[in-house]
Amino acid sequence: MTPATSPPSTITSQRWIVPLLLVTVLLNLGLILWGGWQTIWQQLRQIPFAFYPLSALILCCGYGIGFWRWHTYLQVLDHWLPIRPSLRIFLGSLALTASPGRAGESIKSLWLRQQFGVSAARSLAGLVCERLCDLLAALLIVGLGLSARLGAGFWWACLGLAIALFLILSQPQRLQAWAERFGGRSRRRKGLERLAHLLFSARRLLQPRYLAGGLLVSVAIWSLEGVVLYGCFQVLQAETINLPTAILIRAAMGLGGVLTLLPGGLGGAEAASISLALLYGADRDQAIAATVLIRLLTLWFPIAIGWVALHRQSRALKSLALSPLPDADADQSPKSPR
């Protein structure tokens, strides 16, 4: 056989990882300098060392739950993959957590096609459903959490928005019709058509039982990260922040990050965290230090895990160099024995 080389898309996808991380580092440094690095350092020095491995363990539980959902999605779409390479691909994509809207995690689709012949449309459909569940869960948590201060109307508004978003995305034929009717020849039309195509592939995952399961996983992940944020506030002696408030702040950070469309959700996530922490009684130094700490744990920790898995994934791809690449439209991944 003729040795196969990595396609250009692989090189292109990985080439911008380092510049993306550099931009993220600079933006994080900007936050630290704005908050006063000496003050933040004094706050962080109070934290016992045991806090870090305990937080890492809690976060790893969240990644484990997320992987279980991802692996189950692939099985629902009739792709029964071995656990170890599937986990390696999932963890390797965490190296691109800092990409806007975490869109860089779509590199999973490229790897799945290269190694198992999984069609890009199906694997991307699973990724879209992951992000949709994360967004809906964050909306519901924020709506419920802030309803105590803003009234029940805010909760119903968030619930209505979540339902409307789901109804729109669960009807790809309407998105396609809107693209043809209102999109013209613009990029908007192409974007709507691509989204409709992905949602057609994801129809099975948008069934009530799979959607409910995906939402519960997202709620669990937001809650686990909220537990870590609660620990951040406690070790910084911000006792006015209780556990439900910390979960609310973490979910709001996720929504704020989506709205900015900047690497790692920078700017919006920090604004949501600091403003809500101040609203619920933390002082300015505690709010900034807790935000810096939770960003370190929920942004840079998964990126570090992703880099290790990315190295292993690169070695796995090299080991396939003597095998021809599967056809992009072929569906050669292991199937269910049924």
C-alpha atoms as a PDB file:
ATOM      1  CA  MET A   1       0.000   0.000   0.000  1.00  0.00           C
ATOM      2  CA  THR A   2       1.084   3.566  -0.547  1.00  0.00           C
ATOM      3  CA  PRO A   3       1.713   5.359   2.716  1.00  0.00           C
ATOM      4  CA  ALA A   4      -1.045   7.784   3.497  1.00  0.00           C
ATOM      5  CA  THR A   5      -0.236  11.202   4.768  1.00  0.00           C
ATOM      6  CA  SER A   6      -2.395  13.406   6.952  1.00  0.00           C
ATOM      7  CA  PRO A   7      -4.787  15.437   4.854  1.00  0.00           C
ATOM      8  CA  PRO A   8      -4.334  19.195   4.696  1.00  0.00           C
ATOM      9  CA  SER A   9      -7.312  19.651   6.999  1.00  0.00           C
ATOM     10  CA  THR A  10      -5.422  17.938   9.817  1.00  0.00           C
ATOM     11  CA  ILE A  11      -2.470  20.284   9.503  1.00  0.00           C
ATOM     12  CA  THR A  12      -4.686  23.329   9.145  1.00  0.00           C
ATOM     13  CA  SER A  13      -6.812  22.355  12.141  1.00  0.00           C
ATOM     14  CA  GLN A  14      -3.792  21.993  14.414  1.00  0.00           C
ATOM     15  CA  ARG A  15      -1.747  24.925  13.112  1.00  0.00           C
ATOM     16  CA  TRP A  16      -3.877  27.581  14.794  1.00  0.00           C
ATOM     17  CA  ILE A  17      -3.954  25.904  18.230  1.00  0.00           C
ATOM     18  CA  VAL A  18      -0.839  27.711  19.484  1.00  0.00           C
ATOM     19  CA  PRO A  19      -1.901  31.214  18.259  1.00  0.00           C
ATOM     20  CA  LEU A  20      -5.302  30.637  19.841  1.00  0.00           C
ATOM     21  CA  LEU A  21      -3.717  29.746  23.165  1.00  0.00           C
ATOM     22  CA  LEU A  22      -1.439  32.794  23.002  1.00  0.00           C
ATOM     23  CA  VAL A  23      -4.449  35.074  22.503  1.00  0.00           C
ATOM     24  CA  THR A  24      -6.185  33.386  25.444  1.00  0.00           C
ATOM     25  CA  VAL A  25      -3.119  33.840  27.642  1.00  0.00           C
ATOM     26  CA  LEU A  26      -2.899  37.546  26.799  1.00  0.00           C
ATOM     27  CA  LEU A  27      -6.578  38.119  27.573  1.00  0.00           C
ATOM     28  CA  ASN A  28      -6.241  36.300  30.901  1.00  0.00           C
ATOM     29  CA  LEU A  29      -3.188  38.361  31.762  1.00  0.00           C
ATOM     30  CA  GLY A  30      -5.195  41.484  30.951  1.00  0.00           C
ATOM     31  CA  LEU A  31      -7.799  40.458  33.526  1.00  0.00           C
ATOM     32  CA  ILE A  32      -5.133  39.827  36.167  1.00  0.00           C
ATOM     33  CA  LEU A  33      -3.437  43.177  35.533  1.00  0.00           C
ATOM     34  CA  TRP A  34      -6.800  44.963  35.625  1.00  0.00           C
ATOM     35  CA  GLY A  35      -7.640  43.362  38.957  1.00  0.00           C
ATOM     36  CA  GLY A  36      -4.192  44.096  40.385  1.00  0.00           C
ATOM     37  CA  TRP A  37      -1.842  41.134  40.242  1.00  0.00           C
ATOM     38  CA  GLN A  38      -0.440  41.716  43.721  1.00  0.00           C
ATOM     39  CA  THR A  39      -3.909  41.692  45.287  1.00  0.00           C
ATOM     40  CA  ILE A  40      -4.927  38.583  43.352  1.00  0.00           C
ATOM     41  CA  TRP A  41      -1.684  36.859  44.304  1.00  0.00           C
ATOM     42  CA  GLN A  42      -2.294  37.602  47.992  1.00  0.00           C
ATOM     43  CA  GLN A  43      -5.789  36.129  47.670  1.00  0.00           C
ATOM     44  CA  LEU A  44      -4.581  32.995  45.884  1.00  0.00           C
ATOM     45  CA  ARG A  45      -1.829  32.395  48.439  1.00  0.00           C
ATOM     46  CA  GLN A  46      -4.543  31.662  51.009  1.00  0.00           C
ATOM     47  CA  ILE A  47      -5.622  28.538  49.142  1.00  0.00           C
ATOM     48  CA  PRO A  48      -4.414  25.200  50.584  1.00  0.00           C
ATOM     49  CA  PHE A  49      -2.653  22.896  48.129  1.00  0.00           C
ATOM     50  CA  ALA A  50      -5.204  20.102  48.699  1.00  0.00           C
ATOM     51  CA  PHE A  51      -7.849  22.260  47.045  1.00  0.00           C
ATOM     52  CA  TYR A  52      -6.276  21.808  43.600  1.00  0.00           C
ATOM     53  CA  PRO A  53      -6.211  17.983  43.317  1.00  0.00           C
ATOM     54  CA  LEU A  54      -9.684  17.794  44.853  1.00  0.00           C
ATOM     55  CA  SER A  55     -11.006  20.288  42.290  1.00  0.00           C
ATOM     56  CA  ALA A  56      -9.249  18.392  39.488  1.00  0.00           C
ATOM     57  CA  LEU A  57     -10.922  15.172  40.618  1.00  0.00           C
ATOM     58  CA  ILE A  58     -14.372  16.789  40.595  1.00  0.00           C
ATOM     59  CA  LEU A  59     -13.773  18.255  37.140  1.00  0.00           C
ATOM     60  CA  CYS A  60     -12.567  14.890  35.833  1.00  0.00           C
ATOM     61  CA  CYS A  61     -15.874  13.397  36.990  1.00  0.00           C
ATOM     62  CA  GLY A  62     -17.580  15.969  34.776  1.00  0.00           C
ATOM     63  CA  TYR A  63     -15.378  15.071  31.807  1.00  0.00           C
ATOM     64  CA  GLY A  64     -16.182  11.408  32.408  1.00  0.00           C
ATOM     65  CA  ILE A  65     -19.913  12.114  32.319  1.00  0.00           C
ATOM     66  CA  GLY A  66     -19.452  14.203  29.172  1.00  0.00           C
ATOM     67  CA  PHE A  67     -17.541  11.395  27.487  1.00  0.00           C
ATOM     68  CA  TRP A  68     -20.269   8.909  28.393  1.00  0.00           C
ATOM     69  CA  ARG A  69     -22.818  11.164  26.681  1.00  0.00           C
ATOM     70  CA  TRP A  70     -20.611  11.600  23.598  1.00  0.00           C
ATOM     71  CA  HIS A  71     -19.925   7.865  23.307  1.00  0.00           C
ATOM     72  CA  THR A  72     -23.633   7.105  23.735  1.00  0.00           C
ATOM     73  CA  TYR A  73     -24.516   9.623  21.016  1.00  0.00           C
ATOM     74  CA  LEU A  74     -22.209   7.807  18.608  1.00  0.00           C
ATOM     75  CA  GLN A  75     -23.849   4.486  19.484  1.00  0.00           C
ATOM     76  CA  VAL A  76     -27.309   5.952  18.918  1.00  0.00           C
ATOM     77  CA  LEU A  77     -26.050   7.018  15.481  1.00  0.00           C
ATOM     78  CA  ASP A  78     -24.919   3.384  14.869  1.00  0.00           C
ATOM     79  CA  HIS A  79     -21.187   3.912  15.447  1.00  0.00           C
ATOM     80  CA  TRP A  80     -19.928   1.428  18.026  1.00  0.00           C
ATOM     81  CA  LEU A  81     -16.340   2.409  18.693  1.00  0.00           C
ATOM     82  CA  PRO A  82     -13.747   0.931  21.072  1.00  0.00           C
ATOM     83  CA  ILE A  83     -13.684   2.795  24.369  1.00  0.00           C
ATOM     84  CA  ARG A  84      -9.972   3.702  24.497  1.00  0.00           C
ATOM     85  CA  PRO A  85      -9.599   5.437  21.112  1.00  0.00           C
ATOM     86  CA  SER A  86     -12.999   7.059  21.559  1.00  0.00           C
ATOM     87  CA  LEU A  87     -11.885   8.476  24.932  1.00  0.00           C
ATOM     88  CA  ARG A  88      -8.572   9.624  23.451  1.00  0.00           C
ATOM     89  CA  ILE A  89     -10.377  11.488  20.679  1.00  0.00           C
ATOM     90  CA  PHE A  90     -12.799  13.072  23.155  1.00  0.00           C
ATOM     91  CA  LEU A  91     -10.030  14.214  25.504  1.00  0.00           C
ATOM     92  CA  GLY A  92      -7.808  15.387  22.641  1.00  0.00           C
ATOM     93  CA  SER A  93     -10.512  17.786  21.503  1.00  0.00           C
ATOM     94  CA  LEU A  94     -10.295  19.505  24.913  1.00  0.00           C
ATOM     95  CA  ALA A  95      -7.053  21.086  23.682  1.00  0.00           C
ATOM     96  CA  LEU A  96      -9.344  23.362  21.652  1.00  0.00           C
ATOM     97  CA  THR A  97     -11.593  24.332  24.563  1.00  0.00           C
ATOM     98  CA  ALA A  98     -10.444  27.943  24.141  1.00  0.00           C
ATOM     99  CA  SER A  99     -11.878  28.228  20.624  1.00  0.00           C
ATOM    100  CA  PRO A 100     -14.901  30.564  20.235  1.00  0.00           C
ATOM    101  CA  GLY A 101     -18.001  28.657  21.239  1.00  0.00           C
ATOM    102  CA  ARG A 102     -15.727  25.596  21.646  1.00  0.00           C
ATOM    103  CA  ALA A 103     -16.149  25.124  17.907  1.00  0.00           C
ATOM    104  CA  GLY A 104     -12.609  23.784  17.653  1.00  0.00           C
ATOM    105  CA  GLU A 105     -13.784  20.585  19.310  1.00  0.00           C
ATOM    106  CA  SER A 106     -15.208  19.665  15.906  1.00  0.00           C
ATOM    107  CA  ILE A 107     -11.731  18.247  15.230  1.00  0.00           C
ATOM    108  CA  LYS A 108     -13.251  15.091  16.767  1.00  0.00           C
ATOM    109  CA  SER A 109     -15.135  14.628  13.505  1.00  0.00           C
ATOM    110  CA  LEU A 110     -11.924  14.718  11.478  1.00  0.00           C
ATOM    111  CA  TRP A 111     -10.248  12.144  13.713  1.00  0.00           C
ATOM    112  CA  LEU A 112     -13.293   9.873  13.719  1.00  0.00           C
ATOM    113  CA  ARG A 113     -13.405   9.938   9.922  1.00  0.00           C
ATOM    114  CA  GLN A 114      -9.699   9.225   9.645  1.00  0.00           C
ATOM    115  CA  GLN A 115      -9.656   6.319  12.072  1.00  0.00           C
ATOM    116  CA  PHE A 116     -13.106   4.780  11.825  1.00  0.00           C
ATOM    117  CA  GLY A 117     -14.740   6.197   8.701  1.00  0.00           C
ATOM    118  CA  VAL A 118     -17.469   7.943  10.696  1.00  0.00           C
ATOM    119  CA  SER A 119     -19.218  10.415   8.410  1.00  0.00           C
ATOM    120  CA  ALA A 120     -18.606  14.029   9.373  1.00  0.00           C
ATOM    121  CA  ALA A 121     -22.319  14.868   9.283  1.00  0.00           C
ATOM    122  CA  ARG A 122     -23.125  12.324  11.988  1.00  0.00           C
ATOM    123  CA  SER A 123     -20.281  13.134  14.351  1.00  0.00           C
ATOM    124  CA  LEU A 124     -20.875  16.872  13.970  1.00  0.00           C
ATOM    125  CA  ALA A 125     -24.547  16.226  14.719  1.00  0.00           C
ATOM    126  CA  GLY A 126     -23.481  14.737  18.047  1.00  0.00           C
ATOM    127  CA  LEU A 127     -21.341  17.807  18.764  1.00  0.00           C
ATOM    128  CA  VAL A 128     -24.240  20.147  17.931  1.00  0.00           C
ATOM    129  CA  CYS A 129     -26.489  18.229  20.336  1.00  0.00           C
ATOM    130  CA  GLU A 130     -23.838  18.486  23.063  1.00  0.00           C
ATOM    131  CA  ARG A 131     -23.632  22.263  22.693  1.00  0.00           C
ATOM    132  CA  LEU A 132     -27.421  22.582  22.453  1.00  0.00           C
ATOM    133  CA  CYS A 133     -27.902  20.670  25.718  1.00  0.00           C
ATOM    134  CA  ASP A 134     -25.216  22.769  27.420  1.00  0.00           C
ATOM    135  CA  LEU A 135     -26.896  25.978  26.266  1.00  0.00           C
ATOM    136  CA  LEU A 136     -30.418  24.899  27.267  1.00  0.00           C
ATOM    137  CA  ALA A 137     -29.234  23.661  30.672  1.00  0.00           C
ATOM    138  CA  ALA A 138     -27.387  26.929  31.350  1.00  0.00           C
ATOM    139  CA  LEU A 139     -30.480  28.932  30.387  1.00  0.00           C
ATOM    140  CA  LEU A 140     -32.660  26.926  32.762  1.00  0.00           C
ATOM    141  CA  ILE A 141     -30.170  27.149  35.656  1.00  0.00           C
ATOM    142  CA  VAL A 142     -29.720  30.914  35.232  1.00  0.00           C
ATOM    143  CA  GLY A 143     -33.470  31.466  34.876  1.00  0.00           C
ATOM    144  CA  LEU A 144     -34.242  29.464  37.995  1.00  0.00           C
ATOM    145  CA  GLY A 145     -31.379  30.977  39.991  1.00  0.00           C
ATOM    146  CA  LEU A 146     -32.119  34.613  39.208  1.00  0.00           C
ATOM    147  CA  SER A 147     -35.897  34.280  39.533  1.00  0.00           C
ATOM    148  CA  ALA A 148     -35.582  34.781  43.302  1.00  0.00           C
ATOM    149  CA  ARG A 149     -34.184  38.288  42.678  1.00  0.00           C
ATOM    150  CA  LEU A 150     -35.789  39.213  39.368  1.00  0.00           C
ATOM    151  CA  GLY A 151     -39.169  37.569  39.868  1.00  0.00           C
ATOM    152  CA  ALA A 152     -40.885  34.511  38.431  1.00  0.00           C
ATOM    153  CA  GLY A 153     -41.290  36.303  35.109  1.00  0.00           C
ATOM    154  CA  PHE A 154     -37.551  35.962  34.462  1.00  0.00           C
ATOM    155  CA  TRP A 155     -37.747  32.195  34.972  1.00  0.00           C
ATOM    156  CA  TRP A 156     -40.670  31.873  32.570  1.00  0.00           C
ATOM    157  CA  ALA A 157     -38.845  34.031  30.030  1.00  0.00           C
ATOM    158  CA  CYS A 158     -35.754  31.788  30.160  1.00  0.00           C
ATOM    159  CA  LEU A 159     -37.914  28.671  29.996  1.00  0.00           C
ATOM    160  CA  GLY A 160     -39.798  30.071  27.015  1.00  0.00           C
ATOM    161  CA  LEU A 161     -36.532  30.971  25.274  1.00  0.00           C
ATOM    162  CA  ALA A 162     -35.166  27.465  25.859  1.00  0.00           C
ATOM    163  CA  ILE A 163     -38.350  25.856  24.489  1.00  0.00           C
ATOM    164  CA  ALA A 164     -38.385  28.170  21.476  1.00  0.00           C
ATOM    165  CA  LEU A 165     -34.743  27.419  20.730  1.00  0.00           C
ATOM    166  CA  PHE A 166     -35.380  23.693  20.932  1.00  0.00           C
ATOM    167  CA  LEU A 167     -38.482  23.880  18.724  1.00  0.00           C
ATOM    168  CA  ILE A 168     -36.587  25.838  16.075  1.00  0.00           C
ATOM    169  CA  LEU A 169     -33.634  23.473  16.052  1.00  0.00           C
ATOM    170  CA  SER A 170     -35.804  20.357  16.128  1.00  0.00           C
ATOM    171  CA  GLN A 171     -37.376  21.310  12.781  1.00  0.00           C
ATOM    172  CA  PRO A 172     -34.507  21.451  10.265  1.00  0.00           C
ATOM    173  CA  GLN A 173     -36.934  21.486   7.353  1.00  0.00           C
ATOM    174  CA  ARG A 174     -38.138  24.912   8.472  1.00  0.00           C
ATOM    175  CA  LEU A 175     -34.566  26.176   8.775  1.00  0.00           C
ATOM    176  CA  GLN A 176     -33.961  24.996   5.228  1.00  0.00           C
ATOM    177  CA  ALA A 177     -37.125  26.752   4.042  1.00  0.00           C
ATOM    178  CA  TRP A 178     -36.064  29.976   5.793  1.00  0.00           C
ATOM    179  CA  ALA A 179     -32.648  29.728   4.173  1.00  0.00           C
ATOM    180  CA  GLU A 180     -34.233  29.470   0.731  1.00  0.00           C
ATOM    181  CA  ARG A 181     -36.768  32.212   1.404  1.00  0.00           C
ATOM    182  CA  PHE A 182     -34.793  34.837   3.317  1.00  0.00           C
ATOM    183  CA  GLY A 183     -31.134  33.937   2.919  1.00  0.00           C
ATOM    184  CA  GLY A 184     -30.642  35.042  -0.655  1.00  0.00           C
ATOM    185  CA  ARG A 185     -27.099  34.254  -1.779  1.00  0.00           C
ATOM    186  CA  SER A 186     -25.456  35.487   1.364  1.00  0.00           C
ATOM    187  CA  ARG A 187     -23.320  33.641   3.885  1.00  0.00           C
ATOM    188  CA  ARG A 188     -26.377  33.568   6.122  1.00  0.00           C
ATOM    189  CA  ARG A 189     -28.090  31.214   3.699  1.00  0.00           C
ATOM    190  CA  LYS A 190     -25.102  28.884   3.563  1.00  0.00           C
ATOM    191  CA  GLY A 191     -24.887  28.899   7.346  1.00  0.00           C
ATOM    192  CA  LEU A 192     -28.577  28.055   7.740  1.00  0.00           C
ATOM    193  CA  GLU A 193     -28.349  25.310   5.145  1.00  0.00           C
ATOM    194  CA  ARG A 194     -25.355  23.738   6.883  1.00  0.00           C
ATOM    195  CA  LEU A 195     -27.098  23.921  10.239  1.00  0.00           C
ATOM    196  CA  ALA A 196     -30.237  22.346   8.738  1.00  0.00           C
ATOM    197  CA  HIS A 197     -28.112  19.550   7.262  1.00  0.00           C
ATOM    198  CA  LEU A 198     -26.516  18.852  10.642  1.00  0.00           C
ATOM    199  CA  LEU A 199     -29.890  18.877  12.381  1.00  0.00           C
ATOM    200  CA  PHE A 200     -31.301  16.413   9.847  1.00  0.00           C
ATOM    201  CA  SER A 201     -28.460  14.088  10.890  1.00  0.00           C
ATOM    202  CA  ALA A 202     -29.201  14.770  14.564  1.00  0.00           C
ATOM    203  CA  ARG A 203     -32.946  14.073  14.465  1.00  0.00           C
ATOM    204  CA  ARG A 204     -32.534  10.793  16.320  1.00  0.00           C
ATOM    205  CA  LEU A 205     -30.606  12.517  19.115  1.00  0.00           C
ATOM    206  CA  LEU A 206     -33.311  15.187  19.461  1.00  0.00           C
ATOM    207  CA  GLN A 207     -35.896  12.598  20.470  1.00  0.00           C
ATOM    208  CA  PRO A 208     -37.302  13.340  23.952  1.00  0.00           C
ATOM    209  CA  ARG A 209     -35.468  10.546  25.810  1.00  0.00           C
ATOM    210  CA  TYR A 210     -32.063  11.408  24.368  1.00  0.00           C
ATOM    211  CA  LEU A 211     -32.631  15.139  24.760  1.00  0.00           C
ATOM    212  CA  ALA A 212     -33.691  14.661  28.405  1.00  0.00           C
ATOM    213  CA  GLY A 213     -30.618  12.523  29.058  1.00  0.00           C
ATOM    214  CA  GLY A 214     -28.334  15.065  27.394  1.00  0.00           C
ATOM    215  CA  LEU A 215     -29.868  17.884  29.431  1.00  0.00           C
ATOM    216  CA  LEU A 216     -29.362  15.973  32.680  1.00  0.00           C
ATOM    217  CA  VAL A 217     -25.711  15.421  31.789  1.00  0.00           C
ATOM    218  CA  SER A 218     -25.272  19.143  31.067  1.00  0.00           C
ATOM    219  CA  VAL A 219     -26.937  20.067  34.365  1.00  0.00           C
ATOM    220  CA  ALA A 220     -24.630  17.618  36.156  1.00  0.00           C
ATOM    221  CA  ILE A 221     -21.528  19.091  34.476  1.00  0.00           C
ATOM    222  CA  TRP A 222     -22.537  22.691  35.248  1.00  0.00           C
ATOM    223  CA  SER A 223     -23.282  21.621  38.837  1.00  0.00           C
ATOM    224  CA  LEU A 224     -19.920  19.902  39.305  1.00  0.00           C
ATOM    225  CA  GLU A 225     -18.109  22.980  38.011  1.00  0.00           C
ATOM    226  CA  GLY A 226     -20.340  25.053  40.297  1.00  0.00           C
ATOM    227  CA  VAL A 227     -19.164  22.928  43.231  1.00  0.00           C
ATOM    228  CA  VAL A 228     -15.571  23.778  42.299  1.00  0.00           C
ATOM    229  CA  LEU A 229     -16.460  27.479  42.064  1.00  0.00           C
ATOM    230  CA  TYR A 230     -18.172  27.236  45.458  1.00  0.00           C
ATOM    231  CA  GLY A 231     -14.926  25.823  46.823  1.00  0.00           C
ATOM    232  CA  CYS A 232     -13.041  28.766  45.298  1.00  0.00           C
ATOM    233  CA  PHE A 233     -15.256  31.248  47.117  1.00  0.00           C
ATOM    234  CA  GLN A 234     -15.033  29.320  50.384  1.00  0.00           C
ATOM    235  CA  VAL A 235     -11.234  29.154  50.441  1.00  0.00           C
ATOM    236  CA  LEU A 236     -11.225  32.882  49.647  1.00  0.00           C
ATOM    237  CA  GLN A 237     -13.594  33.395  52.635  1.00  0.00           C
ATOM    238  CA  ALA A 238     -16.481  34.731  50.538  1.00  0.00           C
ATOM    239  CA  GLU A 239     -19.045  33.113  52.816  1.00  0.00           C
ATOM    240  CA  THR A 240     -22.030  34.921  51.306  1.00  0.00           C
ATOM    241  CA  ILE A 241     -21.760  32.731  48.179  1.00  0.00           C
ATOM    242  CA  ASN A 242     -23.599  29.451  48.798  1.00  0.00           C
ATOM    243  CA  LEU A 243     -23.600  26.355  46.578  1.00  0.00           C
ATOM    244  CA  PRO A 244     -26.750  27.150  44.510  1.00  0.00           C
ATOM    245  CA  THR A 245     -25.381  30.661  43.872  1.00  0.00           C
ATOM    246  CA  ALA A 246     -22.034  29.251  42.746  1.00  0.00           C
ATOM    247  CA  ILE A 247     -23.795  26.903  40.301  1.00  0.00           C
ATOM    248  CA  LEU A 248     -25.815  29.861  39.010  1.00  0.00           C
ATOM    249  CA  ILE A 249     -22.636  31.923  38.506  1.00  0.00           C
ATOM    250  CA  ARG A 250     -20.890  29.080  36.659  1.00  0.00           C
ATOM    251  CA  ALA A 251     -23.835  28.598  34.282  1.00  0.00           C
ATOM    252  CA  ALA A 252     -24.027  32.361  33.713  1.00  0.00           C
ATOM    253  CA  MET A 253     -20.319  32.348  32.848  1.00  0.00           C
ATOM    254  CA  GLY A 254     -21.068  29.777  30.167  1.00  0.00           C
ATOM    255  CA  LEU A 255     -23.829  31.924  28.672  1.00  0.00           C
ATOM    256  CA  GLY A 256     -21.687  35.054  28.843  1.00  0.00           C
ATOM    257  CA  GLY A 257     -18.878  33.262  27.064  1.00  0.00           C
ATOM    258  CA  VAL A 258     -21.190  32.181  24.235  1.00  0.00           C
ATOM    259  CA  LEU A 259     -22.343  35.757  23.677  1.00  0.00           C
ATOM    260  CA  THR A 260     -18.825  37.187  23.247  1.00  0.00           C
ATOM    261  CA  LEU A 261     -17.672  34.653  20.602  1.00  0.00           C
ATOM    262  CA  LEU A 262     -14.102  35.299  21.790  1.00  0.00           C
ATOM    263  CA  PRO A 263     -11.506  32.601  22.522  1.00  0.00           C
ATOM    264  CA  GLY A 264     -12.529  30.751  25.657  1.00  0.00           C
ATOM    265  CA  GLY A 265     -15.556  33.026  26.037  1.00  0.00           C
ATOM    266  CA  LEU A 266     -13.208  35.608  27.510  1.00  0.00           C
ATOM    267  CA  GLY A 267     -14.752  38.879  28.556  1.00  0.00           C
ATOM    268  CA  GLY A 268     -18.335  37.702  28.817  1.00  0.00           C
ATOM    269  CA  ALA A 269     -17.578  34.856  31.214  1.00  0.00           C
ATOM    270  CA  GLU A 270     -15.489  37.072  33.486  1.00  0.00           C
ATOM    271  CA  ALA A 271     -18.073  39.864  33.426  1.00  0.00           C
ATOM    272  CA  ALA A 272     -20.846  37.448  34.412  1.00  0.00           C
ATOM    273  CA  SER A 273     -18.779  35.905  37.210  1.00  0.00           C
ATOM    274  CA  ILE A 274     -17.559  39.148  38.758  1.00  0.00           C
ATOM    275  CA  SER A 275     -20.862  41.020  38.503  1.00  0.00           C
ATOM    276  CA  LEU A 276     -22.923  38.173  39.997  1.00  0.00           C
ATOM    277  CA  ALA A 277     -20.378  37.546  42.749  1.00  0.00           C
ATOM    278  CA  LEU A 278     -20.579  41.220  43.698  1.00  0.00           C
ATOM    279  CA  LEU A 279     -24.381  41.071  43.524  1.00  0.00           C
ATOM    280  CA  TYR A 280     -24.452  38.186  45.981  1.00  0.00           C
ATOM    281  CA  GLY A 281     -22.137  39.790  48.524  1.00  0.00           C
ATOM    282  CA  ALA A 282     -18.526  38.970  47.639  1.00  0.00           C
ATOM    283  CA  ASP A 283     -16.096  41.874  47.698  1.00  0.00           C
ATOM    284  CA  ARG A 284     -14.207  42.989  44.590  1.00  0.00           C
ATOM    285  CA  ASP A 285     -10.939  41.209  45.398  1.00  0.00           C
ATOM    286  CA  GLN A 286     -12.703  37.950  46.194  1.00  0.00           C
ATOM    287  CA  ALA A 287     -14.811  38.148  43.030  1.00  0.00           C
ATOM    288  CA  ILE A 288     -11.792  38.733  40.767  1.00  0.00           C
ATOM    289  CA  ALA A 289      -9.601  36.128  42.486  1.00  0.00           C
ATOM    290  CA  ALA A 290     -12.347  33.482  42.341  1.00  0.00           C
ATOM    291  CA  THR A 291     -12.920  34.255  38.668  1.00  0.00           C
ATOM    292  CA  VAL A 292      -9.227  33.917  37.860  1.00  0.00           C
ATOM    293  CA  LEU A 293      -9.074  30.650  39.800  1.00  0.00           C
ATOM    294  CA  ILE A 294     -12.147  29.056  38.222  1.00  0.00           C
ATOM    295  CA  ARG A 295     -10.907  30.058  34.775  1.00  0.00           C
ATOM    296  CA  LEU A 296      -7.582  28.425  35.557  1.00  0.00           C
ATOM    297  CA  LEU A 297      -9.382  25.229  36.562  1.00  0.00           C
ATOM    298  CA  THR A 298     -12.114  25.063  33.915  1.00  0.00           C
ATOM    299  CA  LEU A 299     -10.146  26.465  30.958  1.00  0.00           C
ATOM    300  CA  TRP A 300      -6.463  25.682  31.371  1.00  0.00           C
ATOM    301  CA  PHE A 301      -6.830  22.349  33.169  1.00  0.00           C
ATOM    302  CA  PRO A 302      -8.881  20.754  30.337  1.00  0.00           C
ATOM    303  CA  ILE A 303      -6.515  22.312  27.783  1.00  0.00           C
ATOM    304  CA  ALA A 304      -3.606  20.593  29.574  1.00  0.00           C
ATOM    305  CA  ILE A 305      -5.468  17.260  29.526  1.00  0.00           C
ATOM    306  CA  GLY A 306      -6.254  17.839  25.863  1.00  0.00           C
ATOM    307  CA  TRP A 307      -2.611  18.447  24.967  1.00  0.00           C
ATOM    308  CA  VAL A 308      -1.577  15.127  26.521  1.00  0.00           C
ATOM    309  CA  ALA A 309      -4.369  13.291  24.688  1.00  0.00           C
ATOM    310  CA  LEU A 310      -3.580  15.233  21.501  1.00  0.00           C
ATOM    311  CA  HIS A 311      -0.008  13.929  21.600  1.00  0.00           C
ATOM    312  CA  ARG A 312      -1.276  10.377  21.971  1.00  0.00           C
ATOM    313  CA  GLN A 313      -3.808  10.919  19.198  1.00  0.00           C
ATOM    314  CA  SER A 314      -1.081  12.167  16.856  1.00  0.00           C
ATOM    315  CA  ARG A 315       0.885   8.998  17.554  1.00  0.00           C
ATOM    316  CA  ALA A 316      -2.221   6.905  16.844  1.00  0.00           C
ATOM    317  CA  LEU A 317      -2.710   8.669  13.507  1.00  0.00           C
ATOM    318  CA  LYS A 318       0.919   8.067  12.573  1.00  0.00           C
ATOM    319  CA  SER A 319       0.449   4.378  13.273  1.00  0.00           C
ATOM    320  CA  LEU A 320      -2.274   4.384  10.614  1.00  0.00           C
ATOM    321  CA  ALA A 321       0.041   5.918   8.025  1.00  0.00           C
ATOM    322  CA  LEU A 322       0.341   2.646   6.116  1.00  0.00           C
ATOM    323  CA  SER A 323      -3.427   2.332   5.807  1.00  0.00           C
ATOM    324  CA  PRO A 324      -5.436   4.260   3.196  1.00  0.00           C
ATOM    325  CA  LEU A 325      -7.761   6.922   4.485  1.00  0.00           C
ATOM    326  CA  PRO A 326     -11.440   5.918   4.453  1.00  0.00           C
ATOM    327  CA  ASP A 327     -13.593   7.679   1.943  1.00  0.00           C
ATOM    328  CA  ALA A 328     -15.162  10.850   3.383  1.00  0.00           C
ATOM    329  CA  ASP A 329     -18.671   9.710   2.408  1.00  0.00           C
ATOM    330  CA  ALA A 330     -18.211   6.123   3.459  1.00  0.00           C
ATOM    331  CA  ASP A 331     -19.663   4.820   6.671  1.00  0.00           C
ATOM    332  CA  GLN A 332     -17.215   2.129   7.736  1.00  0.00           C
ATOM    333  CA  SER A 333     -17.247   2.465  11.516  1.00  0.00           C
ATOM    334  CA  PRO A 334     -18.125  -0.548  13.659  1.00  0.00           C
ATOM    335  CA  LYS A 335     -21.859  -1.101  13.695  1.00  0.00           C
ATOM    336  CA  SER A 336     -24.215  -2.430  16.284  1.00  0.00           C
ATOM    337  CA  PRO A 337     -24.443  -6.225  16.164  1.00  0.00           C
ATOM    338  CA  ARG A 338     -28.198  -6.022  15.848  1.00  0.00           C
END
